[in-house]
Amino acid sequence: MTRLIEPVRTAPVATPVSPASRRVGWAFVLLTALAVVAFSAVPYFTASLRELAGDEVGLAPTYAEAPMFVQAAFYVHIVGGATALVLGALQFWRGLRERAPRVHRLTGRVYLAGVAVGGVAGLVIAPSSPAGYVGFFGFGALAVLWLITGWRAYRAIRRRDVPSHQAWMIRNYSLTYAGVTLRLWLPLLLLAPLLLGQPWEFDPAFANAYAAVPFLCWLPNLVVAEWMVRRRGLPSYRLPITRR
């Protein structure tokens, strides 16, 4: 008979990763994170939401008429997410960990603080998502998992369990990086009808694309994160099947 038992902790054999590949991957993540902060986060602090809404900048039209509490949460989410997006990439810089461990620890604390405030604020603004129920559940689930994985990473390092801390930080930053992958998916989904030879109009195409990204921006990231965790031989989880 086959049955599922409780999750078992397992650490597979690590697969070597070349230093060159690691550096290229890290540089790509850092540069894309900086680009998103510069072009998507900073503009919200250059003018009021109403002024930005008139220019149809990002999500300004959605939140320009929202209650003050929701608007405040929106700004807190931007600050927390932008802080986590940049500092999180630095946490994976081996040179920083080895040469300046105190700086690594300090930036790690600030990173987790950004995740905490950004995640709570994300839960507040999720019901106002222009994607409706899909946005509420997709971005809401992202915020919950963001907070949980950040807490697990913090708990692991407090126990001095470095391998588990690294594994949970990979998972957590994959969710933080949803701020980048959302903006990578949107243009691809916008162009999808053209590639499929279908009629194309911007407003319907954008509405369809934005209805997909609340889940698409983070679910594949978690799959890649778990693959990276296993490839590095870090603690992972599985549901083993036993037969008798």
Protein backbone atom coordinates (compact mmCIF):
# COMPACT_ATOMS: atom_id res chain seq x y z
CA MET A 1 0.00 0.00 0.00
CA THR A 2 1.21 3.52 -0.79
CA ARG A 3 0.68 6.41 1.59
CA LEU A 4 1.99 9.87 2.25
CA ILE A 5 3.66 10.65 5.55
CA GLU A 6 4.66 13.89 7.21
CA PRO A 7 7.23 16.13 5.46
CA VAL A 8 10.77 14.93 6.04
CA ARG A 9 13.74 17.25 6.09
CA THR A 10 16.31 16.31 3.50
CA ALA A 11 19.56 17.84 2.25
CA PRO A 12 20.51 16.50 -1.19
CA VAL A 13 24.09 16.38 -2.41
CA ALA A 14 25.20 19.80 -3.58
CA THR A 15 25.78 20.35 -7.30
CA PRO A 16 28.84 22.53 -7.96
CA VAL A 17 28.09 25.97 -9.39
CA SER A 18 30.89 27.70 -11.27
CA PRO A 19 32.02 31.04 -9.80
CA ALA A 20 31.48 32.73 -13.19
CA SER A 21 27.87 31.56 -13.40
CA ARG A 22 27.26 32.64 -9.83
CA ARG A 23 28.66 36.12 -10.49
CA VAL A 24 26.67 36.58 -13.70
CA GLY A 25 23.45 35.47 -12.03
CA TRP A 26 24.04 37.73 -9.03
CA ALA A 27 24.86 40.73 -11.23
CA PHE A 28 21.68 40.21 -13.26
CA VAL A 29 19.54 40.04 -10.12
CA LEU A 30 21.14 43.16 -8.61
CA LEU A 31 20.92 45.23 -11.80
CA THR A 32 17.30 44.31 -12.47
CA ALA A 33 16.43 45.07 -8.84
CA LEU A 34 18.07 48.51 -9.09
CA ALA A 35 16.30 49.16 -12.40
CA VAL A 36 12.87 48.36 -10.97
CA VAL A 37 13.48 50.56 -7.93
CA ALA A 38 14.68 53.45 -10.12
CA PHE A 39 11.94 53.29 -12.74
CA SER A 40 8.98 51.87 -10.81
CA ALA A 41 9.39 52.95 -7.17
CA VAL A 42 11.15 56.32 -7.23
CA PRO A 43 8.54 58.07 -9.48
CA TYR A 44 5.93 57.75 -6.72
CA PHE A 45 7.98 60.17 -4.60
CA THR A 46 8.31 62.83 -7.30
CA ALA A 47 4.70 64.07 -7.14
CA SER A 48 1.38 63.42 -5.42
CA LEU A 49 -0.73 60.41 -6.32
CA ARG A 50 -3.34 62.65 -7.93
CA GLU A 51 -0.73 64.31 -10.14
CA LEU A 52 0.74 60.94 -11.05
CA ALA A 53 -2.74 59.55 -11.72
CA GLY A 54 -3.29 62.36 -14.24
CA ASP A 55 -0.20 61.13 -16.07
CA GLU A 56 -1.35 57.50 -15.63
CA VAL A 57 1.85 56.53 -13.83
CA GLY A 58 1.82 52.92 -12.62
CA LEU A 59 -0.80 52.20 -9.98
CA ALA A 60 -1.36 55.87 -9.11
CA PRO A 61 -4.83 55.93 -10.75
CA THR A 62 -5.87 52.98 -8.57
CA TYR A 63 -4.81 54.50 -5.25
CA ALA A 64 -5.21 58.25 -5.89
CA GLU A 65 -8.79 58.22 -4.56
CA ALA A 66 -8.27 55.46 -1.97
CA PRO A 67 -8.68 56.19 1.77
CA MET A 68 -5.68 57.84 3.43
CA PHE A 69 -4.90 54.65 5.37
CA VAL A 70 -4.68 52.63 2.15
CA GLN A 71 -2.55 55.30 0.49
CA ALA A 72 -0.17 55.27 3.47
CA ALA A 73 0.04 51.46 3.25
CA PHE A 74 0.74 51.79 -0.48
CA TYR A 75 3.75 54.05 0.19
CA VAL A 76 4.97 51.82 3.04
CA HIS A 77 4.75 48.82 0.70
CA ILE A 78 6.82 50.65 -1.92
CA VAL A 79 9.51 51.66 0.60
CA GLY A 80 9.65 48.22 2.25
CA GLY A 81 9.66 46.37 -1.07
CA ALA A 82 12.30 48.62 -2.66
CA THR A 83 14.55 48.32 0.40
CA ALA A 84 14.21 44.54 0.46
CA LEU A 85 14.70 44.22 -3.29
CA VAL A 86 18.11 45.95 -3.25
CA LEU A 87 19.44 44.81 0.13
CA GLY A 88 18.28 41.25 -0.48
CA ALA A 89 20.48 41.00 -3.56
CA LEU A 90 23.46 42.19 -1.50
CA GLN A 91 22.82 39.41 1.04
CA PHE A 92 23.84 36.86 -1.61
CA TRP A 93 27.17 38.59 -2.26
CA ARG A 94 29.72 36.14 -0.89
CA GLY A 95 32.42 38.81 -0.64
CA LEU A 96 30.25 40.86 1.71
CA ARG A 97 29.49 37.85 3.91
CA GLU A 98 33.15 36.84 4.17
CA ARG A 99 34.90 40.22 4.35
CA ALA A 100 32.32 42.28 6.24
CA PRO A 101 30.12 39.93 8.27
CA ARG A 102 28.90 42.77 10.50
CA VAL A 103 27.67 44.70 7.46
CA HIS A 104 26.04 41.50 6.19
CA ARG A 105 24.20 41.07 9.48
CA LEU A 106 23.14 44.72 9.61
CA THR A 107 21.83 44.77 6.06
CA GLY A 108 20.11 41.46 6.76
CA ARG A 109 18.20 42.99 9.67
CA VAL A 110 17.19 45.99 7.56
CA TYR A 111 16.17 43.61 4.75
CA LEU A 112 13.90 41.59 7.05
CA ALA A 113 12.43 44.81 8.45
CA GLY A 114 11.63 45.84 4.87
CA VAL A 115 9.98 42.46 4.27
CA ALA A 116 7.95 42.80 7.48
CA VAL A 117 6.56 46.27 6.82
CA GLY A 118 6.22 45.64 3.09
CA GLY A 119 4.38 42.37 3.67
CA VAL A 120 1.91 43.80 6.19
CA ALA A 121 1.28 46.82 3.95
CA GLY A 122 0.83 44.44 1.02
CA LEU A 123 -1.99 42.70 2.88
CA VAL A 124 -3.65 46.08 3.44
CA ILE A 125 -3.57 47.12 -0.23
CA ALA A 126 -4.29 43.68 -1.75
CA PRO A 127 -8.10 44.16 -1.66
CA SER A 128 -7.67 47.32 -3.77
CA SER A 129 -5.78 45.53 -6.55
CA PRO A 130 -7.00 46.47 -10.06
CA ALA A 131 -6.96 42.73 -10.83
CA GLY A 132 -9.99 42.20 -8.58
CA TYR A 133 -10.36 38.91 -6.73
CA VAL A 134 -7.41 37.39 -8.61
CA GLY A 135 -5.23 40.26 -7.43
CA PHE A 136 -6.56 40.03 -3.90
CA PHE A 137 -5.83 36.31 -3.57
CA GLY A 138 -2.64 36.32 -5.66
CA PHE A 139 -0.96 39.32 -4.06
CA GLY A 140 -2.45 38.46 -0.67
CA ALA A 141 -0.93 34.97 -0.80
CA LEU A 142 2.37 36.51 -1.88
CA ALA A 143 2.34 38.85 1.14
CA VAL A 144 1.55 36.01 3.56
CA LEU A 145 4.29 33.76 2.18
CA TRP A 146 6.71 36.69 2.13
CA LEU A 147 6.14 37.22 5.85
CA ILE A 148 6.28 33.51 6.74
CA THR A 149 9.50 32.76 4.85
CA GLY A 150 11.13 35.90 6.28
CA TRP A 151 10.19 34.79 9.79
CA ARG A 152 11.56 31.29 9.15
CA ALA A 153 14.84 32.77 7.89
CA TYR A 154 15.10 34.95 11.00
CA ARG A 155 14.32 32.07 13.36
CA ALA A 156 16.91 29.85 11.68
CA ILE A 157 19.74 32.35 12.05
CA ARG A 158 18.75 33.01 15.66
CA ARG A 159 19.28 29.27 16.25
CA ARG A 160 22.62 29.59 14.39
CA ASP A 161 21.28 27.15 11.81
CA VAL A 162 23.07 28.73 8.85
CA PRO A 163 22.09 26.16 6.16
CA SER A 164 18.38 26.51 7.01
CA HIS A 165 18.76 30.29 7.13
CA GLN A 166 20.28 30.28 3.66
CA ALA A 167 17.51 28.05 2.31
CA TRP A 168 14.75 30.24 3.72
CA MET A 169 16.48 33.40 2.50
CA ILE A 170 16.57 32.00 -1.03
CA ARG A 171 12.85 31.25 -0.83
CA ASN A 172 12.10 34.64 0.71
CA TYR A 173 14.09 36.64 -1.82
CA SER A 174 12.43 34.73 -4.66
CA LEU A 175 9.18 36.26 -3.38
CA THR A 176 10.79 39.69 -3.00
CA TYR A 177 11.98 39.38 -6.59
CA ALA A 178 8.34 39.14 -7.69
CA GLY A 179 8.58 42.93 -7.98
CA VAL A 180 10.95 42.34 -10.90
CA THR A 181 9.35 39.29 -12.50
CA LEU A 182 5.95 41.01 -12.52
CA ARG A 183 7.45 43.68 -14.76
CA LEU A 184 9.13 41.07 -16.94
CA TRP A 185 5.93 39.08 -17.42
CA LEU A 186 3.71 42.06 -18.26
CA PRO A 187 5.28 42.98 -21.63
CA LEU A 188 5.51 39.31 -22.61
CA LEU A 189 1.84 38.76 -21.86
CA LEU A 190 0.94 42.02 -23.61
CA LEU A 191 2.64 40.81 -26.79
CA ALA A 192 1.27 37.26 -26.57
CA PRO A 193 -1.85 37.96 -28.72
CA LEU A 194 0.34 39.39 -31.49
CA LEU A 195 2.57 36.32 -31.43
CA LEU A 196 -0.52 34.12 -31.62
CA GLY A 197 -1.94 36.11 -34.55
CA GLN A 198 -4.92 37.42 -32.55
CA PRO A 199 -6.47 40.89 -32.72
CA TRP A 200 -4.70 43.28 -30.35
CA GLU A 201 -5.86 46.35 -28.44
CA PHE A 202 -3.88 47.77 -25.55
CA ASP A 203 -6.60 48.06 -22.88
CA PRO A 204 -7.99 44.50 -23.20
CA ALA A 205 -4.47 43.07 -23.61
CA PHE A 206 -3.24 44.87 -20.49
CA ALA A 207 -6.29 43.80 -18.47
CA ASN A 208 -5.72 40.15 -19.43
CA ALA A 209 -2.00 40.40 -18.71
CA TYR A 210 -2.52 42.02 -15.31
CA ALA A 211 -5.10 39.39 -14.39
CA ALA A 212 -2.39 36.71 -14.76
CA VAL A 213 0.55 38.30 -12.96
CA PRO A 214 -0.80 38.20 -9.36
CA PHE A 215 0.15 34.50 -9.29
CA LEU A 216 2.54 34.27 -12.23
CA CYS A 217 4.95 36.82 -10.73
CA TRP A 218 5.85 34.60 -7.76
CA LEU A 219 4.83 30.95 -8.26
CA PRO A 220 7.58 30.18 -10.83
CA ASN A 221 10.03 32.06 -8.60
CA LEU A 222 9.34 29.66 -5.73
CA VAL A 223 9.87 26.66 -8.01
CA VAL A 224 13.25 28.06 -9.11
CA ALA A 225 14.12 28.85 -5.48
CA GLU A 226 13.44 25.28 -4.37
CA TRP A 227 15.56 24.00 -7.24
CA MET A 228 18.40 26.29 -6.11
CA VAL A 229 18.01 25.13 -2.50
CA ARG A 230 18.32 21.49 -3.53
CA ARG A 231 21.15 22.19 -5.97
CA ARG A 232 23.18 23.78 -3.18
CA GLY A 233 22.53 20.89 -0.82
CA LEU A 234 20.63 23.06 1.65
CA PRO A 235 17.83 21.71 3.86
CA SER A 236 14.72 21.06 1.82
CA TYR A 237 11.41 19.33 2.34
CA ARG A 238 9.63 16.54 0.53
CA LEU A 239 6.68 14.23 0.97
CA PRO A 240 8.19 10.73 0.70
CA ILE A 241 6.09 7.81 -0.42
CA THR A 242 6.41 4.57 1.51
CA ARG A 243 5.28 1.17 0.39
CA ARG A 244 4.48 -1.89 2.44
